[in-house]
N, C-alpha and C. Protein backbone atom coordinates (compact mmCIF):
# COMPACT_ATOMS: atom_id res chain seq x y z
N MET A 1 37.52 -32.90 -23.13
CA MET A 1 36.74 -31.90 -23.07
C MET A 1 37.83 -30.67 -22.16
N ARG A 2 37.57 -29.46 -22.25
CA ARG A 2 38.72 -28.85 -21.33
C ARG A 2 37.97 -27.51 -20.51
N PHE A 3 37.85 -27.63 -19.63
CA PHE A 3 36.96 -26.63 -18.75
C PHE A 3 37.65 -25.46 -18.93
N HIS A 4 36.91 -24.17 -18.59
CA HIS A 4 37.84 -22.99 -18.40
C HIS A 4 37.15 -22.63 -16.86
N ARG A 5 38.54 -22.00 -15.97
CA ARG A 5 37.80 -21.35 -14.70
C ARG A 5 37.64 -20.12 -15.11
N ALA A 6 36.08 -19.77 -14.69
CA ALA A 6 35.72 -18.52 -14.54
C ALA A 6 36.78 -17.37 -13.44
N PRO A 7 36.69 -16.47 -13.69
CA PRO A 7 37.72 -15.54 -12.89
C PRO A 7 36.56 -15.38 -11.73
N VAL A 8 37.44 -15.45 -10.63
CA VAL A 8 36.30 -15.27 -9.17
C VAL A 8 35.69 -13.98 -9.18
N TRP A 9 36.19 -12.73 -9.54
CA TRP A 9 35.45 -12.00 -9.88
C TRP A 9 33.82 -11.78 -10.58
N ILE A 10 33.80 -12.57 -11.43
CA ILE A 10 32.94 -12.78 -11.97
C ILE A 10 31.64 -13.73 -11.15
N LEU A 11 32.47 -15.04 -10.35
CA LEU A 11 31.36 -15.50 -9.61
C LEU A 11 30.73 -14.97 -8.71
N ALA A 12 31.66 -14.08 -7.76
CA ALA A 12 31.35 -12.90 -6.89
C ALA A 12 30.27 -11.96 -7.38
N VAL A 13 30.25 -11.67 -8.53
CA VAL A 13 29.04 -11.00 -8.99
C VAL A 13 27.65 -11.39 -9.20
N VAL A 14 27.69 -12.72 -10.01
CA VAL A 14 26.70 -13.62 -9.82
C VAL A 14 26.31 -14.12 -8.57
N LEU A 15 26.90 -14.06 -7.81
CA LEU A 15 26.48 -14.49 -6.45
C LEU A 15 25.79 -13.39 -5.74
N PHE A 16 26.54 -12.13 -5.62
CA PHE A 16 26.15 -10.76 -5.41
C PHE A 16 24.38 -10.63 -5.93
N ALA A 17 24.50 -10.69 -7.08
CA ALA A 17 23.27 -10.65 -7.82
C ALA A 17 22.14 -11.71 -7.16
N PHE A 18 22.23 -13.09 -6.94
CA PHE A 18 21.34 -14.07 -6.63
C PHE A 18 21.10 -13.77 -4.99
N VAL A 19 21.87 -13.47 -4.31
CA VAL A 19 21.97 -13.16 -2.70
C VAL A 19 21.03 -11.70 -2.79
N SER A 20 21.47 -10.40 -3.41
CA SER A 20 20.58 -9.33 -3.10
C SER A 20 19.14 -9.47 -3.94
N SER A 21 19.01 -10.47 -5.01
CA SER A 21 17.73 -10.69 -5.47
C SER A 21 16.77 -11.33 -4.33
N ALA A 22 17.21 -12.35 -4.01
CA ALA A 22 16.51 -13.08 -2.65
C ALA A 22 16.24 -12.55 -1.65
N ALA A 23 17.05 -11.56 -1.23
CA ALA A 23 16.72 -10.68 0.11
C ALA A 23 15.60 -9.59 -0.26
N PHE A 24 15.83 -9.22 -1.66
CA PHE A 24 14.73 -8.29 -1.92
C PHE A 24 13.46 -9.00 -2.07
N ALA A 25 13.52 -9.96 -2.53
CA ALA A 25 11.88 -10.83 -2.58
C ALA A 25 11.54 -11.15 -1.11
N VAL A 26 12.52 -11.75 0.03
CA VAL A 26 12.33 -11.52 1.31
C VAL A 26 11.88 -10.51 1.85
N ALA A 27 12.09 -9.32 1.81
CA ALA A 27 11.85 -8.37 2.29
C ALA A 27 10.28 -7.58 1.62
N GLN A 28 9.68 -7.83 0.85
CA GLN A 28 8.88 -7.52 0.23
C GLN A 28 7.98 -8.36 1.24
N ALA A 29 6.53 -7.85 1.00
CA ALA A 29 5.42 -8.47 1.94
C ALA A 29 4.36 -7.96 1.04
N LYS A 30 3.11 -9.05 0.99
CA LYS A 30 1.97 -8.95 0.52
C LYS A 30 1.19 -8.57 1.37
N HIS A 31 -0.09 -7.41 1.37
CA HIS A 31 -0.68 -7.05 2.39
C HIS A 31 -2.07 -7.03 1.94
N ASP A 32 -3.30 -7.74 2.17
CA ASP A 32 -4.41 -7.86 1.42
C ASP A 32 -5.54 -7.12 2.62
N LEU A 33 -5.97 -5.87 2.62
CA LEU A 33 -6.58 -5.14 3.18
C LEU A 33 -7.91 -4.85 3.02
N GLN A 34 -8.74 -5.08 3.53
CA GLN A 34 -10.36 -4.39 3.80
C GLN A 34 -10.46 -3.60 4.69
N VAL A 35 -10.71 -2.15 3.08
CA VAL A 35 -10.89 -0.79 4.35
C VAL A 35 -12.57 -0.40 3.91
N THR A 36 -13.07 -0.25 5.19
CA THR A 36 -14.69 0.21 4.64
C THR A 36 -14.89 1.41 5.28
N ALA A 37 -15.42 2.15 4.36
CA ALA A 37 -16.12 3.67 4.95
C ALA A 37 -17.32 3.77 5.11
N ARG A 38 -17.55 4.58 6.32
CA ARG A 38 -19.06 4.73 6.99
C ARG A 38 -18.92 6.26 7.31
N LYS A 39 -20.12 6.73 7.13
CA LYS A 39 -20.22 8.43 7.66
C LYS A 39 -19.23 8.72 8.40
N TYR A 40 -18.05 9.31 7.59
CA TYR A 40 -17.32 10.17 8.23
C TYR A 40 -15.89 9.39 9.11
N ALA A 41 -15.63 8.20 8.66
CA ALA A 41 -14.49 7.58 9.14
C ALA A 41 -14.55 6.46 8.04
N TYR A 42 -13.26 5.74 8.21
CA TYR A 42 -12.58 4.85 7.42
C TYR A 42 -11.83 3.79 8.65
N THR A 43 -12.24 2.50 8.45
CA THR A 43 -11.98 1.26 9.34
C THR A 43 -11.57 0.47 8.58
N VAL A 44 -9.89 0.27 9.00
CA VAL A 44 -9.11 -0.74 8.33
C VAL A 44 -9.55 -2.16 8.97
N ALA A 45 -9.78 -3.32 8.42
CA ALA A 45 -10.13 -4.66 9.35
C ALA A 45 -9.31 -4.76 9.87
N GLY A 46 -9.15 -5.52 11.10
CA GLY A 46 -8.22 -6.23 12.01
C GLY A 46 -7.86 -5.02 12.72
N THR A 47 -8.17 -3.96 12.73
CA THR A 47 -7.28 -2.68 13.58
C THR A 47 -8.67 -1.91 14.24
N GLN A 48 -8.41 -1.16 15.55
CA GLN A 48 -9.30 -0.13 15.43
C GLN A 48 -9.40 1.27 15.25
N GLY A 49 -8.57 1.35 14.12
CA GLY A 49 -8.62 2.97 13.58
C GLY A 49 -8.52 3.02 11.80
N SER A 50 -7.90 4.07 11.57
CA SER A 50 -8.00 4.05 10.09
C SER A 50 -6.84 4.24 9.16
N GLU A 51 -5.99 3.69 10.01
CA GLU A 51 -4.19 3.66 9.60
C GLU A 51 -3.83 2.24 8.87
N ILE A 52 -3.14 2.40 7.57
CA ILE A 52 -2.80 1.09 6.97
C ILE A 52 -1.33 1.35 7.36
N ARG A 53 -0.74 0.35 7.87
CA ARG A 53 0.26 0.33 8.01
C ARG A 53 1.58 -0.48 7.29
N VAL A 54 2.25 -0.38 6.39
CA VAL A 54 3.16 -1.07 5.66
C VAL A 54 4.61 -0.61 5.73
N ARG A 55 5.47 -1.22 4.80
CA ARG A 55 6.70 -1.08 4.81
C ARG A 55 6.98 -0.68 3.02
N LYS A 56 8.05 0.05 3.21
CA LYS A 56 8.58 0.38 1.41
C LYS A 56 8.60 -1.17 0.52
N ASP A 57 8.15 -0.83 -0.54
CA ASP A 57 8.55 -2.29 -1.41
C ASP A 57 7.16 -2.82 -1.23
N ASP A 58 6.75 -2.95 -0.09
CA ASP A 58 5.33 -3.82 0.17
C ASP A 58 4.43 -3.78 -1.16
N LEU A 59 3.63 -5.26 -1.53
CA LEU A 59 2.51 -4.91 -2.51
C LEU A 59 1.36 -4.93 -1.65
N VAL A 60 0.75 -4.02 -1.98
CA VAL A 60 -0.80 -3.66 -1.11
C VAL A 60 -1.85 -3.94 -2.13
N THR A 61 -2.73 -4.57 -1.68
CA THR A 61 -4.47 -4.87 -2.12
C THR A 61 -5.02 -4.34 -1.20
N ILE A 62 -6.03 -3.74 -1.76
CA ILE A 62 -7.17 -3.16 -1.14
C ILE A 62 -8.70 -3.19 -1.63
N THR A 63 -8.95 -3.68 -0.68
CA THR A 63 -10.94 -4.11 -1.08
C THR A 63 -11.22 -3.15 -0.72
N PHE A 64 -11.94 -1.86 -1.14
CA PHE A 64 -12.62 -0.77 -0.45
C PHE A 64 -14.39 -0.83 -0.67
N SER A 65 -14.78 -0.61 0.35
CA SER A 65 -16.37 -0.89 0.52
C SER A 65 -16.75 0.04 1.30
N THR A 66 -18.09 0.44 1.17
CA THR A 66 -18.92 1.49 2.00
C THR A 66 -20.55 0.73 2.79
N ASP A 67 -20.66 1.38 3.64
CA ASP A 67 -21.71 0.71 4.25
C ASP A 67 -23.13 1.54 4.41
N ASP A 68 -22.80 2.99 3.64
CA ASP A 68 -23.59 3.62 3.70
C ASP A 68 -23.89 4.43 1.91
N ILE A 69 -23.61 5.70 2.07
CA ILE A 69 -23.62 6.56 0.64
C ILE A 69 -22.35 6.64 0.10
N PRO A 70 -21.98 6.59 -1.04
CA PRO A 70 -20.42 6.40 -1.91
C PRO A 70 -19.69 7.34 -1.18
N HIS A 71 -18.21 6.66 -1.08
CA HIS A 71 -17.34 7.40 -0.90
C HIS A 71 -15.93 7.33 -1.49
N SER A 72 -14.99 8.11 -1.14
CA SER A 72 -13.71 7.72 -2.04
C SER A 72 -12.52 7.43 -1.44
N PHE A 73 -11.25 6.89 -1.91
CA PHE A 73 -10.37 6.72 -1.28
C PHE A 73 -9.32 7.28 -1.98
N THR A 74 -9.12 8.39 -1.36
CA THR A 74 -7.96 9.58 -2.16
C THR A 74 -6.87 9.62 -1.45
N ILE A 75 -5.85 9.43 -2.04
CA ILE A 75 -4.55 9.91 -1.71
C ILE A 75 -3.82 10.97 -2.69
N GLY A 76 -3.76 11.93 -2.49
CA GLY A 76 -3.73 13.20 -3.23
C GLY A 76 -2.26 13.46 -3.72
N ASP A 77 -1.49 12.74 -3.14
CA ASP A 77 0.04 13.10 -3.11
C ASP A 77 0.60 12.90 -4.50
N ASP A 78 1.16 13.38 -4.53
CA ASP A 78 1.94 13.40 -6.16
C ASP A 78 2.63 12.23 -6.97
N HIS A 79 3.09 11.52 -5.38
CA HIS A 79 3.45 10.10 -5.78
C HIS A 79 2.58 9.05 -6.14
N TYR A 80 1.38 8.75 -5.18
CA TYR A 80 0.87 8.09 -5.54
C TYR A 80 -0.41 8.18 -5.63
N ARG A 81 -1.20 9.34 -5.87
CA ARG A 81 -2.10 9.84 -6.86
C ARG A 81 -3.26 8.43 -6.38
N ILE A 82 -4.33 8.33 -5.61
CA ILE A 82 -4.96 7.18 -5.73
C ILE A 82 -6.54 7.77 -5.47
N ASP A 83 -7.21 7.61 -6.19
CA ASP A 83 -8.80 7.93 -6.45
C ASP A 83 -9.68 6.87 -6.78
N ARG A 84 -10.15 6.26 -5.99
CA ARG A 84 -11.17 5.12 -5.91
C ARG A 84 -12.30 5.50 -5.26
N ARG A 85 -13.54 5.09 -6.28
CA ARG A 85 -14.73 5.08 -5.37
C ARG A 85 -15.77 3.75 -5.53
N ALA A 86 -16.04 3.89 -4.42
CA ALA A 86 -17.03 2.79 -4.01
C ALA A 86 -18.68 3.49 -3.59
N GLU A 87 -19.38 2.31 -4.18
CA GLU A 87 -21.02 2.19 -3.63
C GLU A 87 -21.26 1.49 -3.04
N ARG A 88 -22.39 1.66 -2.28
CA ARG A 88 -22.83 0.36 -0.81
C ARG A 88 -23.54 -0.78 -1.81
N GLY A 89 -22.38 -1.60 -1.40
CA GLY A 89 -22.97 -3.27 -2.34
C GLY A 89 -21.78 -3.52 -3.34
N LYS A 90 -21.20 -2.09 -3.74
CA LYS A 90 -20.12 -2.36 -4.90
C LYS A 90 -18.85 -1.91 -4.96
N PRO A 91 -17.91 -3.01 -3.91
CA PRO A 91 -16.80 -2.66 -3.61
C PRO A 91 -15.61 -2.37 -4.66
N VAL A 92 -14.72 -2.11 -4.45
CA VAL A 92 -13.50 -1.51 -5.48
C VAL A 92 -12.38 -2.63 -4.98
N THR A 93 -11.55 -2.96 -5.68
CA THR A 93 -10.23 -3.71 -5.35
C THR A 93 -9.40 -3.03 -6.10
N PHE A 94 -8.08 -2.42 -5.73
CA PHE A 94 -6.85 -2.27 -6.22
C PHE A 94 -5.72 -2.22 -5.60
N ARG A 95 -4.54 -2.50 -6.47
CA ARG A 95 -3.13 -2.85 -6.12
C ARG A 95 -2.12 -1.70 -6.06
N PHE A 96 -1.17 -1.75 -5.57
CA PHE A 96 0.08 -0.52 -5.64
C PHE A 96 1.00 -1.23 -4.99
N ARG A 97 2.57 -0.94 -5.08
CA ARG A 97 3.46 -1.30 -4.39
C ARG A 97 3.60 0.27 -3.89
N ALA A 98 4.32 0.13 -2.44
CA ALA A 98 4.21 1.12 -1.27
C ALA A 98 5.73 1.81 -1.54
N ASP A 99 6.08 2.05 -2.62
CA ASP A 99 7.22 2.15 -2.84
C ASP A 99 7.97 3.54 -2.46
N LYS A 100 7.06 4.33 -1.69
CA LYS A 100 7.88 5.95 -1.27
C LYS A 100 7.25 5.67 0.29
N ALA A 101 8.21 5.96 1.00
CA ALA A 101 8.30 5.92 2.60
C ALA A 101 7.43 7.31 2.97
N GLY A 102 6.83 7.23 4.16
CA GLY A 102 6.53 8.67 4.64
C GLY A 102 4.59 8.00 5.15
N GLU A 103 4.19 9.37 5.57
CA GLU A 103 2.82 9.59 5.87
C GLU A 103 1.84 9.84 5.09
N PHE A 104 0.96 9.46 4.55
CA PHE A 104 -0.06 10.04 3.54
C PHE A 104 -1.33 10.28 3.96
N GLU A 105 -1.93 11.28 3.69
CA GLU A 105 -3.35 11.45 4.21
C GLU A 105 -4.34 10.78 3.28
N ILE A 106 -5.21 9.89 3.78
CA ILE A 106 -6.41 9.23 2.86
C ILE A 106 -7.72 10.19 3.23
N ARG A 107 -8.47 10.55 2.17
CA ARG A 107 -9.66 11.24 2.62
C ARG A 107 -10.76 10.77 1.19
N CYS A 108 -11.70 11.09 1.72
CA CYS A 108 -13.20 11.46 0.81
C CYS A 108 -13.46 12.53 0.25
N THR A 109 -13.43 12.77 -1.01
CA THR A 109 -13.66 13.88 -1.74
C THR A 109 -14.55 14.11 -2.40
N LEU A 110 -15.98 12.79 -2.46
CA LEU A 110 -17.05 13.01 -2.82
C LEU A 110 -17.91 14.43 -1.60
N THR A 111 -18.67 14.92 -2.65
CA THR A 111 -19.51 15.72 -1.84
C THR A 111 -20.91 15.66 -1.97
N VAL A 112 -21.17 13.95 -1.89
CA VAL A 112 -22.60 13.32 -1.45
C VAL A 112 -22.81 14.07 -0.03
N ASP A 113 -22.20 14.02 0.94
CA ASP A 113 -22.12 14.60 2.20
C ASP A 113 -20.83 15.44 2.73
N GLU A 114 -21.23 16.96 2.81
CA GLU A 114 -19.92 17.97 2.73
C GLU A 114 -19.32 17.78 4.01
N ARG A 115 -19.97 16.99 5.29
CA ARG A 115 -19.02 16.47 6.51
C ARG A 115 -18.04 15.54 5.73
N CYS A 116 -18.05 14.63 4.57
CA CYS A 116 -17.37 13.66 4.59
C CYS A 116 -16.07 14.34 4.10
N VAL A 117 -16.28 15.40 2.96
CA VAL A 117 -15.01 16.31 2.60
C VAL A 117 -14.06 16.89 3.55
N ARG A 118 -15.12 17.35 4.51
CA ARG A 118 -14.36 18.08 5.93
C ARG A 118 -13.64 16.90 6.74
N GLU A 119 -14.40 15.93 7.39
CA GLU A 119 -14.25 15.19 8.67
C GLU A 119 -13.39 13.91 8.18
N MET A 120 -13.49 13.10 7.05
CA MET A 120 -13.23 12.21 6.83
C MET A 120 -11.66 11.57 6.32
N ARG A 121 -11.27 10.94 7.42
CA ARG A 121 -9.31 11.20 7.14
C ARG A 121 -8.87 9.53 7.71
N GLY A 122 -7.97 9.19 6.96
CA GLY A 122 -7.34 8.08 7.04
C GLY A 122 -5.87 8.25 7.20
N LYS A 123 -5.01 7.35 7.18
CA LYS A 123 -3.60 7.77 7.26
C LYS A 123 -2.74 6.19 6.44
N LEU A 124 -1.87 6.33 5.27
CA LEU A 124 -1.19 5.38 4.69
C LEU A 124 0.25 5.93 5.56
N ILE A 125 0.73 4.73 6.31
CA ILE A 125 2.07 4.85 6.74
C ILE A 125 2.97 3.94 6.29
N VAL A 126 3.91 4.56 5.46
CA VAL A 126 4.73 3.42 4.50
C VAL A 126 5.99 3.57 5.48
N ALA A 127 6.68 2.37 6.10
CA ALA A 127 7.90 2.88 7.18
C ALA A 127 9.20 2.31 5.95
N ALA A 128 10.10 3.05 5.99
CA ALA A 128 11.46 2.39 5.36
C ALA A 128 11.53 1.11 5.83
N PRO A 129 12.73 0.61 5.19
CA PRO A 129 12.84 -0.77 5.39
C PRO A 129 13.54 -1.06 6.82
N GLY A 130 13.23 -2.08 7.51
CA GLY A 130 13.77 -2.42 8.65
C GLY A 130 13.34 -1.68 9.68
N GLY A 131 12.54 -0.64 9.28
CA GLY A 131 11.92 0.26 10.20
C GLY A 131 10.53 -0.36 10.89
N PRO A 132 10.10 0.58 12.15
CA PRO A 132 8.92 -0.32 12.52
C PRO A 132 7.60 -0.29 11.42
N HIS A 133 6.69 -1.86 11.57
CA HIS A 133 5.84 -1.35 10.57
C HIS A 133 4.85 -0.80 11.17
């Protein structure tokens, strides 16, 4: 039986593809977040505020709930276009990949209480790879 030696460049390409995919998998993180809406404010569990901080390409799962009246979790950016509604006792869970870096406003767009539309704000902050979290 005779074995052929693969050219060195083929081995280099295969090794590069393997290392690149492994590095990408390590760079990705999964975030399971609880976000609660209560008149005029969002609260992200485990924080003191209304900011969600992730890195680009992270996988994000949000369980969105409300403690009082119906609220929405809306990011009106042309890229993300997230619009979910929760009612008291009926949380909603959704997932997305944070595949665009930047800061994106989260707001309530329901007109059940006009103050929600005017005042209720949060922020999704997606840091570039290797940047601060």
